[in-house]
Amino acid sequence: MVPFMSKTVSRGSSAPPPATLDALRSRIDTLDQEIHALLMERARTVSEIARAKGPTAGATIIHPGREVRVLMRRLEAHEGPLPASLVAHIWRAVIAAACHLQRPFDVHAVGLAAPDGALRDLARFWFGFEVGLIDSADGAAAIAALEAAPGDLALVPVSAPGDWWSALSEDGVHVIGRFGANDEPLGDILLLGGALVGPGPEAVNVYRLIFDGDALLPEDVEPIARRTNPAGSAILAVSPLSPDALAAAWGPADGPVSIAHAGRYDPDLMSAVGNPPAVCKE
């Protein structure tokens, strides 16, 4: 015997009705509570980390290499309608606030008061509003600020006048990021850290090269700033080569060269972030 089934059941009308607007808003309220609770728990954990580190006067609080890994994991896991740039901004603001909670720091920026506001937008996009912004007159002033406050950061256009970049070093003020290399009007901006800021991610290295004459640079070396005088040439360059590999690539026929490591950064980070208005501003 075949049991009787009504037309209503056979048509699959048991699907739940669409959620009402009030129900959706209630769900948003619940999600907001959960997100806020997790943010508070994250902040408490950061405070525990600070206590575990002990006195922070000489401690490394900002770890750019780890920050990039955290952000890249979030971007790789991201899906849905939210722009990747918004996700990056949210997480960058959270990370910067967490570092600031452990030890306050400022960002010194050359060109902060420019009428187009592009550099200020970039700084707020990357660091949020908890971190202080200080206008620096030029690259040399920004370097001096980081030497005086080695836990601070700086944003300096590569095009800033003078050879301010000649003061960069692996153990002192060093490069930890690069923004807008191919974008206008922002231009090529280097993110610098003081001596108490950890190294950038292991991807592309930044070098100061000093040599005689007009020697040809090895392949895989991109010059981004240059100073030439009768004593020789000095170049700020980026390359995926390690210091030893770069020295080996500099042939004997090219003459002697002084190679100083000046930092490192991840060139793939901004392509993963997308095109935030702070970096590609009309």
Protein backbone atom coordinates (compact mmCIF):
# COMPACT_ATOMS: atom_id res chain seq x y z
CA MET A 1 0.00 0.00 0.00
CA VAL A 2 1.34 3.45 -0.92
CA PRO A 3 0.66 6.05 1.78
CA PHE A 4 -1.31 9.07 0.75
CA MET A 5 0.73 12.35 0.44
CA SER A 6 -0.95 15.70 0.08
CA LYS A 7 -0.07 18.04 -2.76
CA THR A 8 1.11 20.57 -0.19
CA VAL A 9 3.81 18.25 1.18
CA SER A 10 4.87 16.95 -2.24
CA ARG A 11 5.56 20.50 -3.40
CA GLY A 12 8.11 21.00 -0.61
CA SER A 13 6.31 23.90 1.01
CA SER A 14 7.97 23.12 4.37
CA ALA A 15 10.84 25.59 3.64
CA PRO A 16 11.07 28.27 6.33
CA PRO A 17 9.63 31.66 5.46
CA PRO A 18 12.07 34.47 4.67
CA ALA A 19 13.47 36.25 7.71
CA THR A 20 11.74 39.46 8.61
CA LEU A 21 13.55 42.79 8.66
CA ASP A 22 13.28 42.91 12.46
CA ALA A 23 14.80 39.42 12.74
CA LEU A 24 17.73 40.41 10.50
CA ARG A 25 18.38 43.54 12.53
CA SER A 26 18.28 41.50 15.71
CA ARG A 27 20.86 39.15 14.20
CA ILE A 28 23.08 42.17 13.42
CA ASP A 29 22.79 43.30 17.04
CA THR A 30 23.86 39.84 18.22
CA LEU A 31 26.82 39.80 15.83
CA ASP A 32 27.88 43.25 17.02
CA GLN A 33 27.88 42.04 20.62
CA GLU A 34 29.96 38.99 19.68
CA ILE A 35 32.47 41.07 17.67
CA HIS A 36 32.84 43.59 20.50
CA ALA A 37 33.34 40.83 23.06
CA LEU A 38 36.08 39.30 20.90
CA LEU A 39 37.78 42.69 20.49
CA MET A 40 37.79 43.16 24.26
CA GLU A 41 39.18 39.65 24.71
CA ARG A 42 41.89 40.41 22.15
CA ALA A 43 42.83 43.61 24.00
CA ARG A 44 43.02 41.74 27.31
CA THR A 45 45.32 39.17 25.68
CA VAL A 46 47.52 41.98 24.33
CA SER A 47 47.76 43.37 27.87
CA GLU A 48 48.83 39.92 29.10
CA ILE A 49 51.50 39.84 26.39
CA ALA A 50 52.76 43.23 27.56
CA ARG A 51 52.99 41.97 31.14
CA ALA A 52 54.83 38.85 29.96
CA LYS A 53 57.38 41.02 28.15
CA GLY A 54 58.09 43.01 31.28
CA PRO A 55 59.34 46.62 31.12
CA THR A 56 58.83 47.98 27.61
CA ALA A 57 61.38 50.81 27.54
CA GLY A 58 63.81 48.83 25.39
CA ALA A 59 61.47 46.11 24.13
CA THR A 60 60.48 45.57 20.52
CA ILE A 61 56.73 46.21 20.44
CA ILE A 62 56.12 46.63 16.70
CA HIS A 63 56.90 43.49 14.68
CA PRO A 64 56.19 44.36 11.01
CA GLY A 65 57.01 40.87 9.76
CA ARG A 66 54.43 39.29 12.05
CA GLU A 67 51.89 42.04 11.36
CA VAL A 68 52.10 41.33 7.63
CA ARG A 69 51.60 37.60 8.22
CA VAL A 70 48.51 38.27 10.37
CA LEU A 71 47.03 40.62 7.77
CA MET A 72 47.80 38.31 4.84
CA ARG A 73 46.08 35.40 6.60
CA ARG A 74 42.96 37.50 7.05
CA LEU A 75 43.00 38.65 3.42
CA GLU A 76 43.57 35.12 2.12
CA ALA A 77 40.58 33.90 4.13
CA HIS A 78 38.39 36.82 3.09
CA GLU A 79 35.36 36.37 0.87
CA GLY A 80 32.04 38.11 0.38
CA PRO A 81 30.91 41.62 -0.51
CA LEU A 82 33.18 43.60 1.83
CA PRO A 83 36.09 45.19 -0.12
CA ALA A 84 39.49 43.76 0.75
CA SER A 85 40.71 47.31 1.41
CA LEU A 86 38.11 47.74 4.16
CA VAL A 87 39.11 44.43 5.75
CA ALA A 88 42.75 45.53 5.62
CA HIS A 89 41.93 48.90 7.21
CA ILE A 90 39.97 47.29 10.05
CA TRP A 91 42.74 44.83 10.87
CA ARG A 92 45.50 47.41 10.49
CA ALA A 93 43.65 49.71 12.92
CA VAL A 94 43.27 46.83 15.40
CA ILE A 95 46.95 45.87 15.11
CA ALA A 96 48.18 49.45 15.45
CA ALA A 97 45.94 50.04 18.47
CA ALA A 98 47.26 46.87 20.09
CA CYS A 99 50.86 48.01 19.64
CA HIS A 100 49.94 51.47 20.93
CA LEU A 101 48.35 49.84 23.98
CA GLN A 102 51.67 48.17 24.84
CA ARG A 103 53.73 51.34 24.26
CA PRO A 104 52.46 54.58 22.69
CA PHE A 105 54.15 55.57 19.43
CA ASP A 106 53.81 58.27 16.79
CA VAL A 107 54.07 58.33 13.00
CA HIS A 108 56.22 61.12 11.55
CA ALA A 109 55.22 61.99 7.98
CA VAL A 110 56.84 64.20 5.36
CA GLY A 111 54.12 66.04 3.44
CA LEU A 112 51.38 65.45 5.98
CA ALA A 113 49.89 68.90 5.42
CA ALA A 114 49.84 68.69 1.61
CA PRO A 115 46.56 70.08 0.16
CA ASP A 116 45.57 66.80 -1.50
CA GLY A 117 45.65 65.02 1.87
CA ALA A 118 46.93 61.81 0.26
CA LEU A 119 49.65 61.09 2.81
CA ARG A 120 47.34 61.80 5.75
CA ASP A 121 44.78 59.43 4.21
CA LEU A 122 47.45 56.74 3.86
CA ALA A 123 48.57 57.19 7.47
CA ARG A 124 45.02 56.95 8.83
CA PHE A 125 44.20 54.01 6.56
CA TRP A 126 47.23 52.07 7.83
CA PHE A 127 47.33 53.13 11.49
CA GLY A 128 43.79 54.20 12.40
CA PHE A 129 43.12 57.15 14.69
CA GLU A 130 44.67 56.02 17.97
CA VAL A 131 48.22 56.73 16.76
CA GLY A 132 49.51 60.31 16.69
CA LEU A 133 50.63 61.90 13.39
CA ILE A 134 53.48 64.41 13.39
CA ASP A 135 54.45 66.50 10.37
CA SER A 136 58.16 66.34 9.50
CA ALA A 137 59.77 69.08 7.44
CA ASP A 138 61.82 66.68 5.32
CA GLY A 139 63.39 63.24 5.22
CA ALA A 140 66.32 64.24 7.42
CA ALA A 141 63.90 65.53 10.08
CA ALA A 142 61.95 62.27 9.98
CA ILE A 143 65.17 60.26 10.38
CA ALA A 144 66.21 62.46 13.33
CA ALA A 145 62.78 61.95 14.94
CA LEU A 146 63.17 58.16 14.75
CA GLU A 147 66.68 58.36 16.16
CA ALA A 148 65.30 60.33 19.11
CA ALA A 149 62.24 58.06 19.50
CA PRO A 150 63.39 54.63 18.22
CA GLY A 151 59.99 53.03 18.77
CA ASP A 152 58.26 55.42 16.35
CA LEU A 153 57.54 55.10 12.62
CA ALA A 154 57.82 57.47 9.66
CA LEU A 155 56.33 57.86 6.18
CA VAL A 156 58.77 59.50 3.77
CA PRO A 157 58.37 59.98 -0.01
CA VAL A 158 61.35 58.62 -1.90
CA SER A 159 61.31 61.92 -3.81
CA ALA A 160 61.87 63.98 -0.64
CA PRO A 161 64.83 66.30 -1.32
CA GLY A 162 68.31 65.46 -0.15
CA ASP A 163 70.04 62.15 0.45
CA TRP A 164 68.21 61.53 3.75
CA TRP A 165 68.17 57.82 2.88
CA SER A 166 71.95 57.64 3.34
CA ALA A 167 71.29 57.43 7.10
CA LEU A 168 69.26 54.20 6.79
CA SER A 169 70.79 51.07 8.28
CA GLU A 170 69.83 47.57 9.32
CA ASP A 171 70.37 48.25 13.04
CA GLY A 172 69.13 51.86 13.10
CA VAL A 173 66.35 53.55 11.14
CA HIS A 174 65.28 51.01 8.54
CA VAL A 175 62.65 50.37 5.86
CA ILE A 176 59.73 48.15 6.84
CA GLY A 177 57.19 48.94 4.08
CA ARG A 178 56.64 50.58 0.72
CA PHE A 179 53.45 52.13 -0.64
CA GLY A 180 52.22 53.56 -3.91
CA ALA A 181 55.32 52.81 -5.98
CA ASN A 182 53.26 52.88 -9.19
CA ASP A 183 50.44 55.17 -8.12
CA GLU A 184 49.80 58.88 -8.50
CA PRO A 185 49.51 61.38 -6.92
CA LEU A 186 50.81 59.64 -3.79
CA GLY A 187 54.05 58.50 -5.38
CA ASP A 188 56.62 56.15 -3.88
CA ILE A 189 56.42 56.22 -0.06
CA LEU A 190 58.72 54.33 2.31
CA LEU A 191 57.55 53.27 5.77
CA LEU A 192 60.46 53.50 8.21
CA GLY A 193 60.91 52.15 11.68
CA GLY A 194 63.32 53.19 14.43
CA ALA A 195 65.87 50.90 16.05
CA LEU A 196 63.24 49.48 18.46
CA VAL A 197 60.95 48.46 15.57
CA GLY A 198 61.36 44.91 14.33
CA PRO A 199 62.42 44.06 10.78
CA GLY A 200 60.00 43.98 7.88
CA PRO A 201 58.87 40.74 6.22
CA GLU A 202 61.50 38.68 4.43
CA ALA A 203 60.69 39.43 0.81
CA VAL A 204 62.45 42.34 -0.89
CA ASN A 205 65.60 43.86 0.58
CA VAL A 206 66.54 47.55 0.59
CA TYR A 207 70.20 48.49 0.14
CA ARG A 208 72.46 51.51 0.16
CA LEU A 209 75.09 50.99 -2.53
CA ILE A 210 78.20 53.17 -2.80
CA PHE A 211 80.58 52.70 -5.73
CA ASP A 212 82.90 54.55 -8.09
CA GLY A 213 81.86 55.78 -11.52
CA ASP A 214 78.81 54.61 -13.41
CA ALA A 215 78.98 50.86 -12.92
CA LEU A 216 76.07 48.83 -14.25
CA LEU A 217 73.80 47.48 -11.56
CA PRO A 218 73.28 43.70 -11.44
CA GLU A 219 69.99 42.28 -12.65
CA ASP A 220 67.15 42.16 -10.12
CA VAL A 221 68.28 45.47 -8.61
CA GLU A 222 65.89 48.45 -8.84
CA PRO A 223 67.38 51.87 -8.04
CA ILE A 224 64.84 54.19 -6.41
CA ALA A 225 67.06 57.11 -5.33
CA ARG A 226 70.52 58.27 -6.42
CA ARG A 227 73.23 60.71 -5.43
CA THR A 228 76.25 61.29 -7.64
CA ASN A 229 79.29 63.48 -6.96
CA PRO A 230 83.01 63.45 -7.81
CA ALA A 231 83.63 61.00 -4.96
CA GLY A 232 81.37 58.39 -6.53
CA SER A 233 77.75 57.27 -6.70
CA ALA A 234 75.34 56.31 -3.95
CA ILE A 235 72.10 54.51 -4.72
CA LEU A 236 69.14 53.42 -2.64
CA ALA A 237 67.99 50.22 -4.32
CA VAL A 238 65.61 47.31 -3.77
CA SER A 239 66.25 43.71 -4.72
CA PRO A 240 65.06 40.19 -3.93
CA LEU A 241 68.73 39.18 -3.64
CA SER A 242 70.23 38.54 -0.22
CA PRO A 243 73.27 40.62 0.78
CA ASP A 244 75.63 37.73 -0.05
CA ALA A 245 73.92 37.08 -3.40
CA LEU A 246 74.03 40.77 -4.27
CA ALA A 247 77.74 40.95 -3.46
CA ALA A 248 78.36 37.90 -5.63
CA ALA A 249 76.34 39.40 -8.50
CA TRP A 250 78.53 42.51 -8.44
CA GLY A 251 81.30 41.38 -10.79
CA PRO A 252 84.97 42.30 -10.27
CA ALA A 253 84.94 44.29 -13.51
CA ASP A 254 82.34 46.63 -11.97
CA GLY A 255 84.81 47.79 -9.34
CA PRO A 256 84.48 47.87 -5.54
CA VAL A 257 81.10 48.50 -3.97
CA SER A 258 79.93 49.13 -0.42
CA ILE A 259 76.68 47.29 0.32
CA ALA A 260 74.67 48.29 3.39
CA HIS A 261 71.40 46.54 4.21
CA ALA A 262 68.73 49.16 4.99
CA GLY A 263 65.54 47.14 5.56
CA ARG A 264 63.01 44.97 3.79
CA TYR A 265 59.33 44.84 2.87
CA ASP A 266 56.70 42.70 1.14
CA PRO A 267 55.83 43.99 -2.37
CA ASP A 268 52.80 41.70 -2.60
CA LEU A 269 51.05 43.19 0.42
CA MET A 270 49.38 46.14 -1.30
CA SER A 271 48.19 44.02 -4.23
CA ALA A 272 46.50 41.75 -1.68
CA VAL A 273 44.96 44.76 0.07
CA GLY A 274 43.51 46.02 -3.21
CA ASN A 275 43.29 49.68 -4.12
CA PRO A 276 42.32 51.62 -1.00
CA PRO A 277 41.51 55.28 -1.59
CA ALA A 278 44.49 56.20 0.58
CA VAL A 279 46.86 54.61 -1.92
CA CYS A 280 45.07 55.30 -5.21
CA LYS A 281 43.42 58.64 -4.67
CA GLU A 282 41.95 60.72 -7.49
